[in-house]
Amino acid sequence: MSSKYSCFKFKKFNLQQTNAAMKIGTDGILLGAWANVSSSNSLLDIGTGTGVIALMQAQKNSALKIDAIEIDADACIDAEFNFNASPWNNRLKLHNCSLEQFKPINKYDTILSNPPFFENSMQSNSNKRTLARHTDSLHYSDLLKFAKNHLTPKGTICLILPYSEEEKCIENAIDLEMHLIRKCSVYPKKIKSQH
Protein backbone atom coordinates (compact mmCIF):
# COMPACT_ATOMS: atom_id res chain seq x y z
CA MET A 1 0.00 0.00 0.00
CA SER A 2 1.27 3.46 -0.87
CA SER A 3 2.50 5.47 2.12
CA LYS A 4 0.24 8.36 1.08
CA TYR A 5 -2.66 6.38 2.61
CA SER A 6 -1.00 5.46 5.88
CA CYS A 7 -1.77 8.62 7.89
CA PHE A 8 -4.14 11.57 7.61
CA LYS A 9 -3.24 14.52 9.83
CA PHE A 10 -5.60 16.93 11.58
CA LYS A 11 -4.54 19.72 13.96
CA LYS A 12 -5.17 17.71 17.15
CA PHE A 13 -5.10 14.08 15.97
CA ASN A 14 -3.79 11.79 13.27
CA LEU A 15 -5.68 8.96 11.60
CA GLN A 16 -4.38 5.68 10.33
CA GLN A 17 -6.20 4.61 7.17
CA THR A 18 -4.13 1.70 5.96
CA ASN A 19 -6.79 -1.02 6.16
CA ALA A 20 -10.09 0.70 5.30
CA ALA A 21 -11.38 0.20 1.75
CA MET A 22 -12.61 3.81 1.65
CA LYS A 23 -10.02 6.39 2.61
CA ILE A 24 -10.84 9.67 4.36
CA GLY A 25 -12.54 12.03 1.92
CA THR A 26 -14.02 15.47 1.62
CA ASP A 27 -17.59 14.25 2.28
CA GLY A 28 -16.78 12.82 5.69
CA ILE A 29 -14.72 15.81 6.75
CA LEU A 30 -17.47 18.22 5.67
CA LEU A 31 -20.11 16.26 7.59
CA GLY A 32 -17.83 16.10 10.63
CA ALA A 33 -17.29 19.86 10.56
CA TRP A 34 -20.93 20.74 9.75
CA ALA A 35 -22.68 18.62 12.39
CA ASN A 36 -23.79 20.57 15.46
CA VAL A 37 -23.28 18.44 18.57
CA SER A 38 -22.93 21.27 21.08
CA SER A 39 -25.99 20.21 23.10
CA SER A 40 -25.66 16.45 22.56
CA ASN A 41 -24.66 13.96 25.26
CA SER A 42 -24.83 10.81 23.13
CA LEU A 43 -23.97 10.18 19.50
CA LEU A 44 -23.99 7.27 17.08
CA ASP A 45 -21.75 7.28 14.00
CA ILE A 46 -23.11 4.74 11.51
CA GLY A 47 -20.47 3.40 9.12
CA THR A 48 -17.57 5.00 10.96
CA GLY A 49 -14.86 3.71 8.60
CA THR A 50 -11.60 5.07 10.01
CA GLY A 51 -13.49 6.94 12.75
CA VAL A 52 -12.88 10.44 11.39
CA ILE A 53 -16.43 11.76 11.93
CA ALA A 54 -16.68 10.32 15.45
CA LEU A 55 -13.30 11.78 16.42
CA MET A 56 -14.21 15.21 15.08
CA GLN A 57 -17.34 15.19 17.27
CA ALA A 58 -15.40 14.01 20.34
CA GLN A 59 -13.02 16.93 19.81
CA LYS A 60 -15.92 19.42 19.58
CA ASN A 61 -17.87 18.30 22.67
CA SER A 62 -16.05 17.12 25.80
CA ALA A 63 -19.23 15.61 27.34
CA LEU A 64 -20.18 13.52 24.32
CA LYS A 65 -20.30 9.71 24.60
CA ILE A 66 -19.95 8.12 21.18
CA ASP A 67 -20.86 4.73 19.76
CA ALA A 68 -19.53 3.98 16.30
CA ILE A 69 -20.56 1.03 14.16
CA GLU A 70 -18.70 -0.37 11.18
CA ILE A 71 -19.49 -3.53 9.23
CA ASP A 72 -16.02 -3.97 7.67
CA ALA A 73 -13.49 -5.69 9.96
CA ASP A 74 -10.49 -4.10 8.21
CA ALA A 75 -11.92 -0.59 8.63
CA CYS A 76 -12.49 -1.47 12.30
CA ILE A 77 -8.76 -2.12 12.67
CA ASP A 78 -8.11 1.48 11.63
CA ALA A 79 -10.97 2.92 13.70
CA GLU A 80 -9.92 1.03 16.83
CA PHE A 81 -6.32 2.18 16.43
CA ASN A 82 -7.45 5.77 15.85
CA PHE A 83 -9.86 5.78 18.80
CA ASN A 84 -7.25 4.31 21.16
CA ALA A 85 -4.59 6.80 20.01
CA SER A 86 -6.87 9.81 20.52
CA PRO A 87 -7.14 11.95 23.67
CA TRP A 88 -10.87 11.05 23.76
CA ASN A 89 -10.55 7.24 23.78
CA ASN A 90 -12.53 6.87 27.02
CA ARG A 91 -15.63 8.33 25.30
CA LEU A 92 -15.51 6.28 22.08
CA LYS A 93 -16.88 2.75 21.70
CA LEU A 94 -16.53 0.78 18.46
CA HIS A 95 -18.96 -1.97 17.39
CA ASN A 96 -18.00 -4.25 14.47
CA CYS A 97 -21.49 -5.02 13.12
CA SER A 98 -24.12 -4.00 10.60
CA LEU A 99 -26.89 -1.55 11.40
CA GLU A 100 -29.36 -4.46 11.48
CA GLN A 101 -27.24 -6.29 14.08
CA PHE A 102 -26.70 -3.26 16.31
CA LYS A 103 -29.00 -3.20 19.34
CA PRO A 104 -28.42 -0.01 21.34
CA ILE A 105 -29.43 0.14 24.99
CA ASN A 106 -30.11 3.89 25.03
CA LYS A 107 -31.35 6.47 22.55
CA TYR A 108 -29.08 9.06 20.94
CA ASP A 109 -29.18 12.85 20.80
CA THR A 110 -27.39 12.76 17.45
CA ILE A 111 -26.94 10.15 14.73
CA LEU A 112 -24.43 10.83 11.96
CA SER A 113 -23.73 8.92 8.79
CA ASN A 114 -21.87 9.35 5.54
CA PRO A 115 -23.72 6.44 3.92
CA PRO A 116 -22.91 4.71 0.63
CA PHE A 117 -23.96 6.91 -2.31
CA PHE A 118 -24.23 4.73 -5.35
CA GLU A 119 -27.47 3.08 -6.39
CA ASN A 120 -27.75 0.83 -9.46
CA SER A 121 -24.29 1.74 -10.75
CA MET A 122 -21.21 -0.17 -11.79
CA GLN A 123 -19.61 -1.86 -8.81
CA SER A 124 -15.94 -2.08 -7.92
CA ASN A 125 -13.86 -5.25 -8.32
CA SER A 126 -13.26 -4.98 -4.56
CA ASN A 127 -16.14 -6.35 -2.49
CA LYS A 128 -15.13 -4.13 0.45
CA ARG A 129 -15.08 -1.00 -1.69
CA THR A 130 -18.48 -1.90 -3.15
CA LEU A 131 -19.84 -2.42 0.38
CA ALA A 132 -18.59 1.04 1.40
CA ARG A 133 -19.83 2.86 -1.71
CA HIS A 134 -23.11 1.23 -2.79
CA THR A 135 -26.51 1.48 -1.13
CA ASP A 136 -27.03 -2.29 -1.29
CA SER A 137 -25.53 -2.54 2.20
CA LEU A 138 -26.88 0.65 3.80
CA HIS A 139 -29.55 2.92 2.31
CA TYR A 140 -30.60 6.31 3.71
CA SER A 141 -34.14 4.96 4.14
CA ASP A 142 -32.76 2.34 6.56
CA LEU A 143 -30.91 5.09 8.43
CA LEU A 144 -34.06 7.18 8.76
CA LYS A 145 -36.10 4.22 10.05
CA PHE A 146 -33.39 3.41 12.58
CA ALA A 147 -33.18 7.07 13.66
CA LYS A 148 -36.96 7.27 14.12
CA ASN A 149 -36.72 4.52 16.75
CA HIS A 150 -33.37 5.39 18.34
CA LEU A 151 -33.26 9.19 18.65
CA THR A 152 -34.21 11.07 21.80
CA PRO A 153 -37.35 13.27 21.42
CA LYS A 154 -35.28 16.29 20.31
CA GLY A 155 -32.60 14.21 18.60
CA THR A 156 -31.24 14.87 15.13
CA ILE A 157 -29.83 12.80 12.30
CA CYS A 158 -27.19 14.32 10.02
CA LEU A 159 -26.56 12.71 6.64
CA ILE A 160 -24.56 13.50 3.58
CA LEU A 161 -26.29 12.48 0.36
CA PRO A 162 -25.92 13.00 -3.36
CA TYR A 163 -28.10 15.79 -4.74
CA SER A 164 -30.11 13.29 -6.78
CA GLU A 165 -31.41 11.65 -3.57
CA GLU A 166 -32.30 14.83 -1.67
CA GLU A 167 -36.02 15.06 -2.47
CA LYS A 168 -36.63 11.32 -1.99
CA CYS A 169 -34.84 11.45 1.37
CA ILE A 170 -36.88 14.44 2.56
CA GLU A 171 -40.13 12.73 1.48
CA ASN A 172 -39.07 9.54 3.25
CA ALA A 173 -38.33 11.52 6.42
CA ILE A 174 -41.71 13.29 6.28
CA ASP A 175 -43.42 9.90 5.96
CA LEU A 176 -41.67 8.96 9.22
CA GLU A 177 -42.86 12.21 10.87
CA MET A 178 -39.38 13.71 10.77
CA HIS A 179 -38.56 17.11 9.29
CA LEU A 180 -35.64 19.00 7.85
CA ILE A 181 -34.00 21.43 10.26
CA ARG A 182 -31.14 22.63 8.10
CA LYS A 183 -29.45 21.78 4.85
CA CYS A 184 -26.06 22.55 3.37
CA SER A 185 -25.57 22.16 -0.38
CA VAL A 186 -22.03 21.52 -1.57
CA TYR A 187 -21.11 22.15 -5.18
CA PRO A 188 -17.99 20.91 -6.95
CA LYS A 189 -15.41 23.50 -7.86
CA LYS A 190 -15.36 24.36 -11.53
CA ILE A 191 -12.29 22.93 -13.20
CA LYS A 192 -9.64 25.59 -13.55
CA SER A 193 -8.33 26.16 -17.04
CA GLN A 194 -4.85 24.82 -17.67
CA HIS A 195 -2.21 27.50 -18.35
C-alpha atoms as a PDB file:
ATOM      1  CA  MET A   1       0.000   0.000   0.000  1.00  0.00           C
ATOM      2  CA  SER A   2       1.268   3.457  -0.866  1.00  0.00           C
ATOM      3  CA  SER A   3       2.496   5.470   2.123  1.00  0.00           C
ATOM      4  CA  LYS A   4       0.237   8.357   1.084  1.00  0.00           C
ATOM      5  CA  TYR A   5      -2.660   6.384   2.606  1.00  0.00           C
ATOM      6  CA  SER A   6      -1.001   5.463   5.881  1.00  0.00           C
ATOM      7  CA  CYS A   7      -1.768   8.620   7.887  1.00  0.00           C
ATOM      8  CA  PHE A   8      -4.145  11.570   7.608  1.00  0.00           C
ATOM      9  CA  LYS A   9      -3.239  14.521   9.830  1.00  0.00           C
ATOM     10  CA  PHE A  10      -5.599  16.929  11.577  1.00  0.00           C
ATOM     11  CA  LYS A  11      -4.539  19.717  13.958  1.00  0.00           C
ATOM     12  CA  LYS A  12      -5.170  17.706  17.153  1.00  0.00           C
ATOM     13  CA  PHE A  13      -5.103  14.084  15.966  1.00  0.00           C
ATOM     14  CA  ASN A  14      -3.791  11.792  13.269  1.00  0.00           C
ATOM     15  CA  LEU A  15      -5.684   8.965  11.603  1.00  0.00           C
ATOM     16  CA  GLN A  16      -4.384   5.678  10.327  1.00  0.00           C
ATOM     17  CA  GLN A  17      -6.203   4.609   7.167  1.00  0.00           C
ATOM     18  CA  THR A  18      -4.133   1.695   5.962  1.00  0.00           C
ATOM     19  CA  ASN A  19      -6.795  -1.025   6.158  1.00  0.00           C
ATOM     20  CA  ALA A  20     -10.093   0.705   5.304  1.00  0.00           C
ATOM     21  CA  ALA A  21     -11.381   0.203   1.753  1.00  0.00           C
ATOM     22  CA  MET A  22     -12.607   3.806   1.646  1.00  0.00           C
ATOM     23  CA  LYS A  23     -10.024   6.394   2.605  1.00  0.00           C
ATOM     24  CA  ILE A  24     -10.837   9.665   4.357  1.00  0.00           C
ATOM     25  CA  GLY A  25     -12.538  12.026   1.920  1.00  0.00           C
ATOM     26  CA  THR A  26     -14.021  15.466   1.617  1.00  0.00           C
ATOM     27  CA  ASP A  27     -17.591  14.253   2.280  1.00  0.00           C
ATOM     28  CA  GLY A  28     -16.779  12.815   5.690  1.00  0.00           C
ATOM     29  CA  ILE A  29     -14.718  15.806   6.745  1.00  0.00           C
ATOM     30  CA  LEU A  30     -17.472  18.216   5.665  1.00  0.00           C
ATOM     31  CA  LEU A  31     -20.110  16.262   7.593  1.00  0.00           C
ATOM     32  CA  GLY A  32     -17.835  16.097  10.629  1.00  0.00           C
ATOM     33  CA  ALA A  33     -17.295  19.860  10.556  1.00  0.00           C
ATOM     34  CA  TRP A  34     -20.934  20.740   9.751  1.00  0.00           C
ATOM     35  CA  ALA A  35     -22.679  18.616  12.394  1.00  0.00           C
ATOM     36  CA  ASN A  36     -23.791  20.572  15.460  1.00  0.00           C
ATOM     37  CA  VAL A  37     -23.281  18.442  18.567  1.00  0.00           C
ATOM     38  CA  SER A  38     -22.932  21.269  21.079  1.00  0.00           C
ATOM     39  CA  SER A  39     -25.989  20.208  23.102  1.00  0.00           C
ATOM     40  CA  SER A  40     -25.657  16.446  22.561  1.00  0.00           C
ATOM     41  CA  ASN A  41     -24.663  13.964  25.256  1.00  0.00           C
ATOM     42  CA  SER A  42     -24.833  10.815  23.129  1.00  0.00           C
ATOM     43  CA  LEU A  43     -23.968  10.178  19.502  1.00  0.00           C
ATOM     44  CA  LEU A  44     -23.989   7.267  17.078  1.00  0.00           C
ATOM     45  CA  ASP A  45     -21.746   7.279  14.003  1.00  0.00           C
ATOM     46  CA  ILE A  46     -23.105   4.737  11.506  1.00  0.00           C
ATOM     47  CA  GLY A  47     -20.475   3.397   9.125  1.00  0.00           C
ATOM     48  CA  THR A  48     -17.571   5.001  10.963  1.00  0.00           C
ATOM     49  CA  GLY A  49     -14.857   3.713   8.604  1.00  0.00           C
ATOM     50  CA  THR A  50     -11.598   5.073  10.008  1.00  0.00           C
ATOM     51  CA  GLY A  51     -13.487   6.940  12.746  1.00  0.00           C
ATOM     52  CA  VAL A  52     -12.883  10.437  11.387  1.00  0.00           C
ATOM     53  CA  ILE A  53     -16.433  11.765  11.934  1.00  0.00           C
ATOM     54  CA  ALA A  54     -16.681  10.317  15.453  1.00  0.00           C
ATOM     55  CA  LEU A  55     -13.297  11.778  16.422  1.00  0.00           C
ATOM     56  CA  MET A  56     -14.206  15.213  15.083  1.00  0.00           C
ATOM     57  CA  GLN A  57     -17.336  15.190  17.269  1.00  0.00           C
ATOM     58  CA  ALA A  58     -15.399  14.012  20.340  1.00  0.00           C
ATOM     59  CA  GLN A  59     -13.024  16.925  19.815  1.00  0.00           C
ATOM     60  CA  LYS A  60     -15.923  19.423  19.579  1.00  0.00           C
ATOM     61  CA  ASN A  61     -17.869  18.300  22.673  1.00  0.00           C
ATOM     62  CA  SER A  62     -16.048  17.121  25.803  1.00  0.00           C
ATOM     63  CA  ALA A  63     -19.232  15.614  27.339  1.00  0.00           C
ATOM     64  CA  LEU A  64     -20.185  13.522  24.323  1.00  0.00           C
ATOM     65  CA  LYS A  65     -20.302   9.707  24.604  1.00  0.00           C
ATOM     66  CA  ILE A  66     -19.954   8.117  21.178  1.00  0.00           C
ATOM     67  CA  ASP A  67     -20.857   4.725  19.764  1.00  0.00           C
ATOM     68  CA  ALA A  68     -19.527   3.978  16.304  1.00  0.00           C
ATOM     69  CA  ILE A  69     -20.557   1.032  14.164  1.00  0.00           C
ATOM     70  CA  GLU A  70     -18.699  -0.373  11.177  1.00  0.00           C
ATOM     71  CA  ILE A  71     -19.487  -3.527   9.226  1.00  0.00           C
ATOM     72  CA  ASP A  72     -16.020  -3.974   7.673  1.00  0.00           C
ATOM     73  CA  ALA A  73     -13.494  -5.693   9.958  1.00  0.00           C
ATOM     74  CA  ASP A  74     -10.494  -4.099   8.212  1.00  0.00           C
ATOM     75  CA  ALA A  75     -11.918  -0.589   8.632  1.00  0.00           C
ATOM     76  CA  CYS A  76     -12.488  -1.471  12.301  1.00  0.00           C
ATOM     77  CA  ILE A  77      -8.763  -2.122  12.668  1.00  0.00           C
ATOM     78  CA  ASP A  78      -8.108   1.483  11.635  1.00  0.00           C
ATOM     79  CA  ALA A  79     -10.975   2.915  13.704  1.00  0.00           C
ATOM     80  CA  GLU A  80      -9.922   1.026  16.834  1.00  0.00           C
ATOM     81  CA  PHE A  81      -6.322   2.177  16.429  1.00  0.00           C
ATOM     82  CA  ASN A  82      -7.449   5.773  15.849  1.00  0.00           C
ATOM     83  CA  PHE A  83      -9.855   5.781  18.798  1.00  0.00           C
ATOM     84  CA  ASN A  84      -7.246   4.306  21.157  1.00  0.00           C
ATOM     85  CA  ALA A  85      -4.586   6.801  20.014  1.00  0.00           C
ATOM     86  CA  SER A  86      -6.870   9.806  20.524  1.00  0.00           C
ATOM     87  CA  PRO A  87      -7.139  11.946  23.670  1.00  0.00           C
ATOM     88  CA  TRP A  88     -10.870  11.054  23.759  1.00  0.00           C
ATOM     89  CA  ASN A  89     -10.547   7.242  23.782  1.00  0.00           C
ATOM     90  CA  ASN A  90     -12.532   6.874  27.021  1.00  0.00           C
ATOM     91  CA  ARG A  91     -15.634   8.326  25.299  1.00  0.00           C
ATOM     92  CA  LEU A  92     -15.511   6.277  22.080  1.00  0.00           C
ATOM     93  CA  LYS A  93     -16.879   2.748  21.699  1.00  0.00           C
ATOM     94  CA  LEU A  94     -16.531   0.776  18.462  1.00  0.00           C
ATOM     95  CA  HIS A  95     -18.962  -1.970  17.390  1.00  0.00           C
ATOM     96  CA  ASN A  96     -17.999  -4.251  14.468  1.00  0.00           C
ATOM     97  CA  CYS A  97     -21.494  -5.023  13.121  1.00  0.00           C
ATOM     98  CA  SER A  98     -24.118  -3.997  10.602  1.00  0.00           C
ATOM     99  CA  LEU A  99     -26.892  -1.547  11.399  1.00  0.00           C
ATOM    100  CA  GLU A 100     -29.359  -4.457  11.484  1.00  0.00           C
ATOM    101  CA  GLN A 101     -27.235  -6.288  14.075  1.00  0.00           C
ATOM    102  CA  PHE A 102     -26.700  -3.261  16.310  1.00  0.00           C
ATOM    103  CA  LYS A 103     -29.003  -3.203  19.339  1.00  0.00           C
ATOM    104  CA  PRO A 104     -28.421  -0.006  21.339  1.00  0.00           C
ATOM    105  CA  ILE A 105     -29.427   0.143  24.985  1.00  0.00           C
ATOM    106  CA  ASN A 106     -30.113   3.890  25.030  1.00  0.00           C
ATOM    107  CA  LYS A 107     -31.349   6.468  22.553  1.00  0.00           C
ATOM    108  CA  TYR A 108     -29.079   9.063  20.938  1.00  0.00           C
ATOM    109  CA  ASP A 109     -29.179  12.850  20.802  1.00  0.00           C
ATOM    110  CA  THR A 110     -27.388  12.759  17.449  1.00  0.00           C
ATOM    111  CA  ILE A 111     -26.944  10.151  14.730  1.00  0.00           C
ATOM    112  CA  LEU A 112     -24.432  10.833  11.958  1.00  0.00           C
ATOM    113  CA  SER A 113     -23.733   8.922   8.787  1.00  0.00           C
ATOM    114  CA  ASN A 114     -21.868   9.350   5.543  1.00  0.00           C
ATOM    115  CA  PRO A 115     -23.716   6.441   3.918  1.00  0.00           C
ATOM    116  CA  PRO A 116     -22.910   4.710   0.632  1.00  0.00           C
ATOM    117  CA  PHE A 117     -23.963   6.911  -2.312  1.00  0.00           C
ATOM    118  CA  PHE A 118     -24.230   4.729  -5.355  1.00  0.00           C
ATOM    119  CA  GLU A 119     -27.467   3.076  -6.394  1.00  0.00           C
ATOM    120  CA  ASN A 120     -27.751   0.826  -9.462  1.00  0.00           C
ATOM    121  CA  SER A 121     -24.293   1.744 -10.753  1.00  0.00           C
ATOM    122  CA  MET A 122     -21.213  -0.175 -11.787  1.00  0.00           C
ATOM    123  CA  GLN A 123     -19.612  -1.864  -8.810  1.00  0.00           C
ATOM    124  CA  SER A 124     -15.941  -2.083  -7.925  1.00  0.00           C
ATOM    125  CA  ASN A 125     -13.857  -5.247  -8.316  1.00  0.00           C
ATOM    126  CA  SER A 126     -13.258  -4.982  -4.565  1.00  0.00           C
ATOM    127  CA  ASN A 127     -16.144  -6.349  -2.494  1.00  0.00           C
ATOM    128  CA  LYS A 128     -15.131  -4.129   0.446  1.00  0.00           C
ATOM    129  CA  ARG A 129     -15.075  -0.998  -1.690  1.00  0.00           C
ATOM    130  CA  THR A 130     -18.480  -1.904  -3.146  1.00  0.00           C
ATOM    131  CA  LEU A 131     -19.844  -2.415   0.380  1.00  0.00           C
ATOM    132  CA  ALA A 132     -18.593   1.036   1.401  1.00  0.00           C
ATOM    133  CA  ARG A 133     -19.830   2.860  -1.715  1.00  0.00           C
ATOM    134  CA  HIS A 134     -23.105   1.226  -2.792  1.00  0.00           C
ATOM    135  CA  THR A 135     -26.511   1.485  -1.131  1.00  0.00           C
ATOM    136  CA  ASP A 136     -27.029  -2.294  -1.294  1.00  0.00           C
ATOM    137  CA  SER A 137     -25.533  -2.544   2.196  1.00  0.00           C
ATOM    138  CA  LEU A 138     -26.885   0.652   3.795  1.00  0.00           C
ATOM    139  CA  HIS A 139     -29.549   2.925   2.315  1.00  0.00           C
ATOM    140  CA  TYR A 140     -30.599   6.307   3.711  1.00  0.00           C
ATOM    141  CA  SER A 141     -34.145   4.957   4.138  1.00  0.00           C
ATOM    142  CA  ASP A 142     -32.756   2.340   6.560  1.00  0.00           C
ATOM    143  CA  LEU A 143     -30.911   5.094   8.425  1.00  0.00           C
ATOM    144  CA  LEU A 144     -34.064   7.182   8.757  1.00  0.00           C
ATOM    145  CA  LYS A 145     -36.104   4.221  10.047  1.00  0.00           C
ATOM    146  CA  PHE A 146     -33.390   3.411  12.577  1.00  0.00           C
ATOM    147  CA  ALA A 147     -33.184   7.066  13.657  1.00  0.00           C
ATOM    148  CA  LYS A 148     -36.957   7.275  14.122  1.00  0.00           C
ATOM    149  CA  ASN A 149     -36.718   4.522  16.746  1.00  0.00           C
ATOM    150  CA  HIS A 150     -33.372   5.393  18.343  1.00  0.00           C
ATOM    151  CA  LEU A 151     -33.256   9.192  18.653  1.00  0.00           C
ATOM    152  CA  THR A 152     -34.211  11.069  21.796  1.00  0.00           C
ATOM    153  CA  PRO A 153     -37.352  13.272  21.416  1.00  0.00           C
ATOM    154  CA  LYS A 154     -35.282  16.290  20.310  1.00  0.00           C
ATOM    155  CA  GLY A 155     -32.599  14.212  18.603  1.00  0.00           C
ATOM    156  CA  THR A 156     -31.242  14.866  15.125  1.00  0.00           C
ATOM    157  CA  ILE A 157     -29.827  12.803  12.295  1.00  0.00           C
ATOM    158  CA  CYS A 158     -27.189  14.317  10.024  1.00  0.00           C
ATOM    159  CA  LEU A 159     -26.563  12.714   6.643  1.00  0.00           C
ATOM    160  CA  ILE A 160     -24.559  13.502   3.582  1.00  0.00           C
ATOM    161  CA  LEU A 161     -26.293  12.479   0.363  1.00  0.00           C
ATOM    162  CA  PRO A 162     -25.922  13.005  -3.355  1.00  0.00           C
ATOM    163  CA  TYR A 163     -28.099  15.789  -4.741  1.00  0.00           C
ATOM    164  CA  SER A 164     -30.108  13.285  -6.781  1.00  0.00           C
ATOM    165  CA  GLU A 165     -31.409  11.651  -3.571  1.00  0.00           C
ATOM    166  CA  GLU A 166     -32.296  14.831  -1.668  1.00  0.00           C
ATOM    167  CA  GLU A 167     -36.023  15.056  -2.466  1.00  0.00           C
ATOM    168  CA  LYS A 168     -36.633  11.324  -1.989  1.00  0.00           C
ATOM    169  CA  CYS A 169     -34.841  11.446   1.372  1.00  0.00           C
ATOM    170  CA  ILE A 170     -36.881  14.441   2.557  1.00  0.00           C
ATOM    171  CA  GLU A 171     -40.128  12.735   1.477  1.00  0.00           C
ATOM    172  CA  ASN A 172     -39.069   9.541   3.253  1.00  0.00           C
ATOM    173  CA  ALA A 173     -38.334  11.524   6.422  1.00  0.00           C
ATOM    174  CA  ILE A 174     -41.711  13.293   6.277  1.00  0.00           C
ATOM    175  CA  ASP A 175     -43.422   9.899   5.961  1.00  0.00           C
ATOM    176  CA  LEU A 176     -41.667   8.964   9.222  1.00  0.00           C
ATOM    177  CA  GLU A 177     -42.860  12.212  10.874  1.00  0.00           C
ATOM    178  CA  MET A 178     -39.379  13.710  10.775  1.00  0.00           C
ATOM    179  CA  HIS A 179     -38.558  17.105   9.292  1.00  0.00           C
ATOM    180  CA  LEU A 180     -35.640  19.001   7.847  1.00  0.00           C
ATOM    181  CA  ILE A 181     -33.996  21.433  10.258  1.00  0.00           C
ATOM    182  CA  ARG A 182     -31.142  22.627   8.098  1.00  0.00           C
ATOM    183  CA  LYS A 183     -29.445  21.776   4.845  1.00  0.00           C
ATOM    184  CA  CYS A 184     -26.055  22.553   3.369  1.00  0.00           C
ATOM    185  CA  SER A 185     -25.569  22.158  -0.384  1.00  0.00           C
ATOM    186  CA  VAL A 186     -22.031  21.524  -1.567  1.00  0.00           C
ATOM    187  CA  TYR A 187     -21.109  22.151  -5.180  1.00  0.00           C
ATOM    188  CA  PRO A 188     -17.989  20.907  -6.946  1.00  0.00           C
ATOM    189  CA  LYS A 189     -15.407  23.501  -7.857  1.00  0.00           C
ATOM    190  CA  LYS A 190     -15.358  24.362 -11.528  1.00  0.00           C
ATOM    191  CA  ILE A 191     -12.287  22.928 -13.199  1.00  0.00           C
ATOM    192  CA  LYS A 192      -9.642  25.592 -13.550  1.00  0.00           C
ATOM    193  CA  SER A 193      -8.334  26.160 -17.037  1.00  0.00           C
ATOM    194  CA  GLN A 194      -4.848  24.818 -17.671  1.00  0.00           C
ATOM    195  CA  HIS A 195      -2.214  27.503 -18.354  1.00  0.00           C
END
